[in-house]
Amino acid sequence: MMSSNWTDRRLFLNMGVTIVAGAMASRGLAAPATVPIIVHRDAACGCCGAWVDHLRASSVFVPSVRIQRDMGAVKTFLGVPAALGSCHTAQVAGYVIEGHVPAKDILKLIRTRPAGVAGLAVPGMPAGSPGMEVPGRFDPYNVLAFRRGGETSVFAQYSS
């Protein structure tokens, strides 16, 4: 069994890689043709795998999946506001991605780098969001941008 210190160190190192990539992008350095993204998920969750498949299908993101025993600790460590929780959490280019955020919105975030935004979230698990496709059902949902203090704003809306 790994100690929580090891888990903290590993998360810290993973964050360092994404922060460096984000710093390169913010300085106008060429973005790579593909973007690495670290996805933290619980082993028992099936929709997390479907979201990872959505990322791979974008031909932009190259996911690295990390199975976690305590997703609550991961979310806390990465600063995900509790009200925005979903089933998986990702790190990409210095940002935190919570839940079933469409790949195109993650790419827009990385390209535009809005001031003060710490990440994007799709709270819960709305039907029709990437990885949560249900034939004949679509629940409208918002992609929320969040700041370190927990403030949110609508980044994108999906109604059908």
N, C-alpha and C. Protein backbone atom coordinates (compact mmCIF):
# COMPACT_ATOMS: atom_id res chain seq x y z
N MET A 1 0.84 -1.18 0.00
CA MET A 1 0.00 0.00 0.00
C MET A 1 0.89 1.24 0.00
N MET A 2 0.57 2.20 -0.90
CA MET A 2 1.35 3.43 -0.98
C MET A 2 0.94 4.39 0.12
N SER A 3 1.90 5.11 0.61
CA SER A 3 1.58 6.11 1.63
C SER A 3 0.93 7.32 0.98
N SER A 4 0.21 8.08 1.78
CA SER A 4 -0.40 9.29 1.25
C SER A 4 0.67 10.29 0.85
N ASN A 5 1.85 10.27 1.49
CA ASN A 5 2.94 11.15 1.10
C ASN A 5 3.38 10.85 -0.33
N TRP A 6 3.48 9.57 -0.68
CA TRP A 6 3.84 9.19 -2.03
C TRP A 6 2.80 9.70 -3.02
N THR A 7 1.54 9.52 -2.70
CA THR A 7 0.47 10.00 -3.57
C THR A 7 0.56 11.51 -3.72
N ASP A 8 0.79 12.24 -2.64
CA ASP A 8 0.92 13.69 -2.72
C ASP A 8 2.09 14.09 -3.61
N ARG A 9 3.22 13.42 -3.46
CA ARG A 9 4.40 13.73 -4.29
C ARG A 9 4.11 13.45 -5.76
N ARG A 10 3.46 12.33 -6.02
CA ARG A 10 3.16 11.97 -7.41
C ARG A 10 2.22 12.99 -8.02
N LEU A 11 1.18 13.40 -7.29
CA LEU A 11 0.27 14.42 -7.79
C LEU A 11 1.00 15.73 -8.02
N PHE A 12 1.89 16.09 -7.11
CA PHE A 12 2.65 17.33 -7.24
C PHE A 12 3.51 17.29 -8.50
N LEU A 13 4.19 16.17 -8.74
CA LEU A 13 5.02 16.05 -9.94
C LEU A 13 4.18 16.10 -11.20
N ASN A 14 3.02 15.44 -11.18
CA ASN A 14 2.13 15.48 -12.34
C ASN A 14 1.67 16.90 -12.62
N MET A 15 1.37 17.64 -11.55
CA MET A 15 0.96 19.03 -11.73
C MET A 15 2.09 19.85 -12.34
N GLY A 16 3.33 19.56 -11.94
CA GLY A 16 4.47 20.29 -12.47
C GLY A 16 4.58 20.15 -13.98
N VAL A 17 4.36 18.95 -14.49
CA VAL A 17 4.41 18.73 -15.92
C VAL A 17 3.35 19.57 -16.63
N THR A 18 2.14 19.59 -16.10
CA THR A 18 1.08 20.35 -16.76
C THR A 18 1.30 21.85 -16.62
N ILE A 19 1.90 22.29 -15.53
CA ILE A 19 2.17 23.72 -15.36
C ILE A 19 3.22 24.18 -16.37
N VAL A 20 4.25 23.38 -16.58
CA VAL A 20 5.27 23.73 -17.56
C VAL A 20 4.65 23.85 -18.95
N ALA A 21 3.81 22.91 -19.32
CA ALA A 21 3.15 22.97 -20.63
C ALA A 21 2.29 24.21 -20.74
N GLY A 22 1.59 24.55 -19.66
CA GLY A 22 0.77 25.76 -19.66
C GLY A 22 1.60 27.01 -19.77
N ALA A 23 2.74 27.06 -19.09
CA ALA A 23 3.62 28.22 -19.16
C ALA A 23 4.16 28.40 -20.58
N MET A 24 4.48 27.31 -21.24
CA MET A 24 4.95 27.41 -22.62
C MET A 24 3.88 28.02 -23.51
N ALA A 25 2.65 27.56 -23.35
CA ALA A 25 1.56 28.08 -24.16
C ALA A 25 1.31 29.56 -23.88
N SER A 26 1.38 29.97 -22.62
CA SER A 26 1.11 31.36 -22.27
C SER A 26 2.19 32.30 -22.80
N ARG A 27 3.38 31.78 -23.10
CA ARG A 27 4.47 32.60 -23.63
C ARG A 27 4.50 32.56 -25.15
N GLY A 28 3.48 31.99 -25.75
CA GLY A 28 3.39 31.97 -27.20
C GLY A 28 4.27 30.92 -27.85
N LEU A 29 4.82 30.01 -27.08
CA LEU A 29 5.62 28.95 -27.66
C LEU A 29 4.71 27.97 -28.39
N ALA A 30 5.21 27.37 -29.40
CA ALA A 30 4.39 26.49 -30.23
C ALA A 30 3.77 25.38 -29.39
N ALA A 31 2.49 25.19 -29.60
CA ALA A 31 1.80 24.10 -28.92
C ALA A 31 2.09 22.80 -29.66
N PRO A 32 2.26 21.71 -28.93
CA PRO A 32 2.51 20.44 -29.60
C PRO A 32 1.27 20.00 -30.39
N ALA A 33 1.49 19.13 -31.37
CA ALA A 33 0.38 18.63 -32.18
C ALA A 33 -0.57 17.81 -31.32
N THR A 34 -0.03 17.19 -30.28
CA THR A 34 -0.87 16.47 -29.33
C THR A 34 -0.61 17.02 -27.94
N VAL A 35 -1.60 16.88 -27.09
CA VAL A 35 -1.53 17.44 -25.74
C VAL A 35 -1.70 16.31 -24.73
N PRO A 36 -0.71 16.13 -23.85
CA PRO A 36 -0.87 15.11 -22.81
C PRO A 36 -1.88 15.57 -21.76
N ILE A 37 -2.68 14.65 -21.27
CA ILE A 37 -3.65 14.94 -20.23
C ILE A 37 -3.65 13.78 -19.24
N ILE A 38 -3.55 14.10 -17.98
CA ILE A 38 -3.56 13.08 -16.92
C ILE A 38 -4.98 12.97 -16.39
N VAL A 39 -5.54 11.78 -16.44
CA VAL A 39 -6.91 11.55 -15.98
C VAL A 39 -6.86 10.69 -14.71
N HIS A 40 -7.39 11.23 -13.63
CA HIS A 40 -7.49 10.50 -12.36
C HIS A 40 -8.91 9.94 -12.28
N ARG A 41 -9.02 8.65 -12.03
CA ARG A 41 -10.34 8.02 -11.97
C ARG A 41 -10.34 6.85 -11.02
N ASP A 42 -11.54 6.47 -10.63
CA ASP A 42 -11.75 5.28 -9.81
C ASP A 42 -11.82 4.08 -10.75
N ALA A 43 -11.28 2.97 -10.35
CA ALA A 43 -11.25 1.77 -11.19
C ALA A 43 -12.65 1.26 -11.54
N ALA A 44 -13.62 1.49 -10.68
CA ALA A 44 -14.95 0.92 -10.86
C ALA A 44 -15.86 1.74 -11.77
N CYS A 45 -15.43 2.90 -12.21
CA CYS A 45 -16.31 3.78 -12.98
C CYS A 45 -16.18 3.53 -14.48
N GLY A 46 -17.28 3.15 -15.12
CA GLY A 46 -17.29 2.87 -16.55
C GLY A 46 -17.35 4.11 -17.42
N CYS A 47 -18.06 5.14 -16.97
CA CYS A 47 -18.20 6.33 -17.82
C CYS A 47 -16.88 7.09 -17.92
N CYS A 48 -16.00 6.92 -16.95
CA CYS A 48 -14.68 7.57 -17.02
C CYS A 48 -13.91 7.05 -18.23
N GLY A 49 -13.98 5.75 -18.46
CA GLY A 49 -13.32 5.16 -19.62
C GLY A 49 -13.91 5.67 -20.91
N ALA A 50 -15.23 5.87 -20.94
CA ALA A 50 -15.87 6.41 -22.14
C ALA A 50 -15.43 7.85 -22.40
N TRP A 51 -15.23 8.64 -21.33
CA TRP A 51 -14.74 10.01 -21.51
C TRP A 51 -13.30 10.01 -22.02
N VAL A 52 -12.48 9.11 -21.52
CA VAL A 52 -11.10 8.98 -22.00
C VAL A 52 -11.12 8.62 -23.49
N ASP A 53 -12.02 7.74 -23.90
CA ASP A 53 -12.16 7.40 -25.33
C ASP A 53 -12.54 8.64 -26.14
N HIS A 54 -13.40 9.50 -25.60
CA HIS A 54 -13.78 10.76 -26.25
C HIS A 54 -12.54 11.64 -26.44
N LEU A 55 -11.69 11.71 -25.42
CA LEU A 55 -10.46 12.50 -25.54
C LEU A 55 -9.56 11.95 -26.64
N ARG A 56 -9.38 10.63 -26.64
CA ARG A 56 -8.54 9.99 -27.67
C ARG A 56 -9.09 10.24 -29.06
N ALA A 57 -10.40 10.18 -29.21
CA ALA A 57 -11.04 10.37 -30.51
C ALA A 57 -10.84 11.78 -31.05
N SER A 58 -10.51 12.73 -30.18
CA SER A 58 -10.30 14.11 -30.63
C SER A 58 -9.03 14.23 -31.48
N SER A 59 -8.14 13.26 -31.40
CA SER A 59 -6.84 13.28 -32.08
C SER A 59 -5.93 14.39 -31.59
N VAL A 60 -6.30 15.05 -30.49
CA VAL A 60 -5.48 16.11 -29.91
C VAL A 60 -4.91 15.65 -28.58
N PHE A 61 -5.76 15.06 -27.76
CA PHE A 61 -5.35 14.70 -26.40
C PHE A 61 -4.81 13.28 -26.33
N VAL A 62 -3.74 13.13 -25.55
CA VAL A 62 -3.14 11.82 -25.30
C VAL A 62 -3.28 11.55 -23.80
N PRO A 63 -4.34 10.82 -23.43
CA PRO A 63 -4.59 10.59 -22.00
C PRO A 63 -3.66 9.57 -21.37
N SER A 64 -3.30 9.87 -20.14
CA SER A 64 -2.59 8.96 -19.26
C SER A 64 -3.50 8.76 -18.06
N VAL A 65 -3.98 7.54 -17.88
CA VAL A 65 -4.98 7.27 -16.84
C VAL A 65 -4.30 6.80 -15.56
N ARG A 66 -4.70 7.42 -14.46
CA ARG A 66 -4.19 7.06 -13.14
C ARG A 66 -5.37 6.57 -12.30
N ILE A 67 -5.34 5.32 -11.92
CA ILE A 67 -6.39 4.76 -11.06
C ILE A 67 -6.10 5.22 -9.63
N GLN A 68 -7.11 5.79 -9.00
CA GLN A 68 -6.97 6.34 -7.65
C GLN A 68 -7.93 5.63 -6.70
N ARG A 69 -7.50 5.45 -5.49
CA ARG A 69 -8.37 4.85 -4.46
C ARG A 69 -9.19 5.91 -3.74
N ASP A 70 -8.72 7.14 -3.71
CA ASP A 70 -9.41 8.19 -2.97
C ASP A 70 -9.56 9.43 -3.86
N MET A 71 -10.59 9.43 -4.68
CA MET A 71 -10.81 10.55 -5.60
C MET A 71 -11.11 11.84 -4.85
N GLY A 72 -11.70 11.74 -3.68
CA GLY A 72 -11.96 12.95 -2.88
C GLY A 72 -10.66 13.66 -2.54
N ALA A 73 -9.63 12.90 -2.19
CA ALA A 73 -8.33 13.49 -1.87
C ALA A 73 -7.71 14.13 -3.11
N VAL A 74 -7.87 13.49 -4.26
CA VAL A 74 -7.34 14.05 -5.51
C VAL A 74 -8.00 15.39 -5.80
N LYS A 75 -9.33 15.42 -5.71
CA LYS A 75 -10.08 16.65 -5.99
C LYS A 75 -9.69 17.77 -5.03
N THR A 76 -9.56 17.43 -3.76
CA THR A 76 -9.15 18.43 -2.77
C THR A 76 -7.76 18.96 -3.08
N PHE A 77 -6.83 18.05 -3.35
CA PHE A 77 -5.45 18.42 -3.64
C PHE A 77 -5.37 19.34 -4.86
N LEU A 78 -6.19 19.07 -5.87
CA LEU A 78 -6.15 19.85 -7.11
C LEU A 78 -7.03 21.10 -7.06
N GLY A 79 -7.79 21.29 -5.97
CA GLY A 79 -8.57 22.51 -5.81
C GLY A 79 -9.91 22.52 -6.50
N VAL A 80 -10.52 21.36 -6.70
CA VAL A 80 -11.85 21.31 -7.32
C VAL A 80 -12.89 21.70 -6.28
N PRO A 81 -13.68 22.75 -6.54
CA PRO A 81 -14.73 23.12 -5.58
C PRO A 81 -15.72 21.96 -5.40
N ALA A 82 -16.09 21.67 -4.17
CA ALA A 82 -16.96 20.52 -3.87
C ALA A 82 -18.26 20.54 -4.66
N ALA A 83 -18.83 21.71 -4.88
CA ALA A 83 -20.11 21.82 -5.59
C ALA A 83 -20.00 21.44 -7.07
N LEU A 84 -18.80 21.34 -7.59
CA LEU A 84 -18.60 21.04 -9.01
C LEU A 84 -18.22 19.60 -9.27
N GLY A 85 -18.24 18.77 -8.24
CA GLY A 85 -17.76 17.40 -8.34
C GLY A 85 -18.45 16.54 -9.37
N SER A 86 -17.67 15.63 -9.91
CA SER A 86 -18.14 14.61 -10.83
C SER A 86 -17.33 13.35 -10.54
N CYS A 87 -17.21 12.46 -11.51
CA CYS A 87 -16.58 11.18 -11.22
C CYS A 87 -15.08 11.13 -11.50
N HIS A 88 -14.56 11.93 -12.40
CA HIS A 88 -13.13 11.89 -12.69
C HIS A 88 -12.58 13.32 -12.75
N THR A 89 -11.27 13.43 -12.60
CA THR A 89 -10.59 14.71 -12.57
C THR A 89 -9.34 14.59 -13.43
N ALA A 90 -9.08 15.63 -14.23
CA ALA A 90 -7.91 15.58 -15.11
C ALA A 90 -7.05 16.83 -14.93
N GLN A 91 -5.80 16.69 -15.36
CA GLN A 91 -4.85 17.80 -15.35
C GLN A 91 -4.31 17.95 -16.77
N VAL A 92 -4.36 19.19 -17.27
CA VAL A 92 -3.85 19.44 -18.61
C VAL A 92 -3.37 20.88 -18.72
N ALA A 93 -2.16 21.06 -19.19
CA ALA A 93 -1.60 22.39 -19.49
C ALA A 93 -1.78 23.39 -18.35
N GLY A 94 -1.66 22.92 -17.12
CA GLY A 94 -1.79 23.80 -15.96
C GLY A 94 -3.21 24.01 -15.46
N TYR A 95 -4.16 23.32 -16.05
CA TYR A 95 -5.58 23.44 -15.66
C TYR A 95 -6.08 22.13 -15.06
N VAL A 96 -7.18 22.25 -14.32
CA VAL A 96 -7.89 21.10 -13.76
C VAL A 96 -9.20 20.96 -14.53
N ILE A 97 -9.52 19.75 -14.92
CA ILE A 97 -10.76 19.46 -15.65
C ILE A 97 -11.55 18.46 -14.82
N GLU A 98 -12.77 18.84 -14.47
CA GLU A 98 -13.61 18.00 -13.61
C GLU A 98 -14.82 17.52 -14.38
N GLY A 99 -14.96 16.21 -14.49
CA GLY A 99 -16.15 15.63 -15.09
C GLY A 99 -16.12 15.56 -16.61
N HIS A 100 -17.30 15.49 -17.19
CA HIS A 100 -17.49 15.18 -18.60
C HIS A 100 -17.42 16.42 -19.50
N VAL A 101 -16.31 17.12 -19.43
CA VAL A 101 -16.09 18.32 -20.24
C VAL A 101 -15.74 17.89 -21.67
N PRO A 102 -16.41 18.46 -22.68
CA PRO A 102 -16.08 18.13 -24.06
C PRO A 102 -14.64 18.52 -24.41
N ALA A 103 -14.00 17.69 -25.22
CA ALA A 103 -12.61 17.95 -25.63
C ALA A 103 -12.46 19.31 -26.29
N LYS A 104 -13.44 19.73 -27.08
CA LYS A 104 -13.31 21.02 -27.77
C LYS A 104 -13.28 22.18 -26.78
N ASP A 105 -13.94 22.05 -25.63
CA ASP A 105 -13.90 23.11 -24.62
C ASP A 105 -12.56 23.13 -23.90
N ILE A 106 -11.98 21.96 -23.67
CA ILE A 106 -10.65 21.91 -23.06
C ILE A 106 -9.64 22.56 -23.99
N LEU A 107 -9.74 22.25 -25.27
CA LEU A 107 -8.83 22.84 -26.25
C LEU A 107 -8.99 24.36 -26.31
N LYS A 108 -10.23 24.83 -26.27
CA LYS A 108 -10.48 26.28 -26.26
C LYS A 108 -9.86 26.93 -25.02
N LEU A 109 -9.99 26.29 -23.87
CA LEU A 109 -9.39 26.80 -22.64
C LEU A 109 -7.88 26.94 -22.79
N ILE A 110 -7.25 25.90 -23.31
CA ILE A 110 -5.79 25.91 -23.47
C ILE A 110 -5.36 27.00 -24.45
N ARG A 111 -6.11 27.18 -25.49
CA ARG A 111 -5.74 28.17 -26.51
C ARG A 111 -5.99 29.60 -26.06
N THR A 112 -7.08 29.83 -25.33
CA THR A 112 -7.44 31.21 -24.96
C THR A 112 -6.87 31.63 -23.61
N ARG A 113 -6.59 30.68 -22.71
CA ARG A 113 -6.01 30.92 -21.40
C ARG A 113 -6.65 32.11 -20.68
N PRO A 114 -7.95 32.05 -20.40
CA PRO A 114 -8.62 33.17 -19.73
C PRO A 114 -8.02 33.46 -18.35
N ALA A 115 -7.85 34.74 -18.06
CA ALA A 115 -7.23 35.18 -16.82
C ALA A 115 -7.97 34.66 -15.59
N GLY A 116 -7.22 34.12 -14.65
CA GLY A 116 -7.77 33.71 -13.37
C GLY A 116 -8.49 32.38 -13.36
N VAL A 117 -8.66 31.73 -14.49
CA VAL A 117 -9.39 30.46 -14.54
C VAL A 117 -8.45 29.33 -14.15
N ALA A 118 -8.90 28.51 -13.19
CA ALA A 118 -8.12 27.37 -12.72
C ALA A 118 -8.50 26.09 -13.47
N GLY A 119 -9.74 26.06 -13.99
CA GLY A 119 -10.16 24.86 -14.69
C GLY A 119 -11.59 24.93 -15.17
N LEU A 120 -12.04 23.81 -15.73
CA LEU A 120 -13.41 23.66 -16.23
C LEU A 120 -14.06 22.47 -15.53
N ALA A 121 -15.38 22.56 -15.40
CA ALA A 121 -16.12 21.46 -14.77
C ALA A 121 -17.50 21.30 -15.40
N VAL A 122 -17.93 20.05 -15.47
CA VAL A 122 -19.33 19.71 -15.75
C VAL A 122 -19.77 18.94 -14.51
N PRO A 123 -20.47 19.64 -13.59
CA PRO A 123 -20.89 18.98 -12.35
C PRO A 123 -21.84 17.80 -12.62
N GLY A 124 -21.74 16.80 -11.79
CA GLY A 124 -22.60 15.64 -11.93
C GLY A 124 -22.24 14.82 -13.15
N MET A 125 -23.23 14.17 -13.72
CA MET A 125 -23.01 13.30 -14.86
C MET A 125 -24.19 13.42 -15.82
N PRO A 126 -24.34 14.59 -16.49
CA PRO A 126 -25.51 14.79 -17.34
C PRO A 126 -25.53 13.87 -18.57
N ALA A 127 -26.68 13.28 -18.83
CA ALA A 127 -26.86 12.43 -20.00
C ALA A 127 -26.62 13.26 -21.26
N GLY A 128 -25.84 12.70 -22.17
CA GLY A 128 -25.53 13.39 -23.42
C GLY A 128 -24.18 14.07 -23.42
N SER A 129 -23.59 14.25 -22.25
CA SER A 129 -22.25 14.82 -22.20
C SER A 129 -21.27 13.72 -22.64
N PRO A 130 -20.05 14.08 -23.08
CA PRO A 130 -19.11 13.06 -23.55
C PRO A 130 -18.85 11.98 -22.49
N GLY A 131 -19.05 10.74 -22.91
CA GLY A 131 -18.89 9.62 -22.00
C GLY A 131 -20.18 9.23 -21.31
N MET A 132 -21.19 10.08 -21.42
CA MET A 132 -22.50 9.81 -20.79
C MET A 132 -23.60 9.76 -21.85
N GLU A 133 -23.26 9.37 -23.06
CA GLU A 133 -24.24 9.30 -24.12
C GLU A 133 -25.29 8.23 -23.82
N VAL A 134 -26.54 8.61 -23.94
CA VAL A 134 -27.66 7.71 -23.70
C VAL A 134 -28.60 7.87 -24.90
N PRO A 135 -28.85 6.79 -25.67
CA PRO A 135 -29.73 6.92 -26.83
C PRO A 135 -31.09 7.51 -26.46
N GLY A 136 -31.47 8.56 -27.18
CA GLY A 136 -32.78 9.17 -26.97
C GLY A 136 -32.87 10.10 -25.78
N ARG A 137 -31.75 10.37 -25.10
CA ARG A 137 -31.82 11.26 -23.93
C ARG A 137 -30.66 12.25 -23.95
N PHE A 138 -31.00 13.49 -23.67
CA PHE A 138 -29.99 14.54 -23.55
C PHE A 138 -30.46 15.51 -22.48
N ASP A 139 -29.65 15.69 -21.46
CA ASP A 139 -29.94 16.66 -20.41
C ASP A 139 -29.09 17.90 -20.68
N PRO A 140 -29.73 19.06 -20.88
CA PRO A 140 -28.93 20.28 -21.09
C PRO A 140 -27.94 20.47 -19.93
N TYR A 141 -26.75 20.97 -20.25
CA TYR A 141 -25.75 21.19 -19.20
C TYR A 141 -24.84 22.35 -19.58
N ASN A 142 -24.18 22.88 -18.57
CA ASN A 142 -23.20 23.94 -18.76
C ASN A 142 -21.81 23.42 -18.43
N VAL A 143 -20.83 23.92 -19.15
CA VAL A 143 -19.43 23.75 -18.78
C VAL A 143 -19.08 25.01 -18.01
N LEU A 144 -18.65 24.85 -16.77
CA LEU A 144 -18.34 25.99 -15.92
C LEU A 144 -16.83 26.20 -15.81
N ALA A 145 -16.41 27.44 -15.94
CA ALA A 145 -15.03 27.81 -15.64
C ALA A 145 -15.00 28.13 -14.15
N PHE A 146 -13.96 27.69 -13.45
CA PHE A 146 -13.87 28.01 -12.03
C PHE A 146 -12.51 28.61 -11.70
N ARG A 147 -12.53 29.42 -10.66
CA ARG A 147 -11.32 30.08 -10.16
C ARG A 147 -10.90 29.41 -8.87
N ARG A 148 -9.70 29.68 -8.41
CA ARG A 148 -9.19 29.07 -7.18
C ARG A 148 -10.08 29.36 -5.98
N GLY A 149 -10.73 30.50 -5.94
CA GLY A 149 -11.60 30.83 -4.82
C GLY A 149 -12.96 30.16 -4.89
N GLY A 150 -13.24 29.44 -5.98
CA GLY A 150 -14.51 28.73 -6.13
C GLY A 150 -15.54 29.45 -6.98
N GLU A 151 -15.27 30.70 -7.38
CA GLU A 151 -16.22 31.42 -8.23
C GLU A 151 -16.32 30.72 -9.58
N THR A 152 -17.52 30.74 -10.15
CA THR A 152 -17.73 30.09 -11.44
C THR A 152 -18.38 31.04 -12.44
N SER A 153 -18.22 30.71 -13.70
CA SER A 153 -18.92 31.39 -14.79
C SER A 153 -19.17 30.35 -15.88
N VAL A 154 -20.16 30.60 -16.71
CA VAL A 154 -20.48 29.66 -17.78
C VAL A 154 -19.45 29.83 -18.90
N PHE A 155 -18.81 28.75 -19.24
CA PHE A 155 -17.81 28.72 -20.32
C PHE A 155 -18.45 28.27 -21.63
N ALA A 156 -19.38 27.31 -21.55
CA ALA A 156 -20.09 26.81 -22.73
C ALA A 156 -21.42 26.22 -22.27
N GLN A 157 -22.40 26.27 -23.17
CA GLN A 157 -23.72 25.70 -22.87
C GLN A 157 -24.09 24.67 -23.93
N TYR A 158 -24.73 23.60 -23.47
CA TYR A 158 -25.18 22.55 -24.39
C TYR A 158 -26.65 22.28 -24.10
N SER A 159 -27.47 22.46 -25.12
CA SER A 159 -28.90 22.27 -24.93
C SER A 159 -29.48 21.17 -25.79
N SER A 160 -28.72 20.64 -26.72
CA SER A 160 -29.18 19.49 -27.51
C SER A 160 -28.06 18.88 -28.31
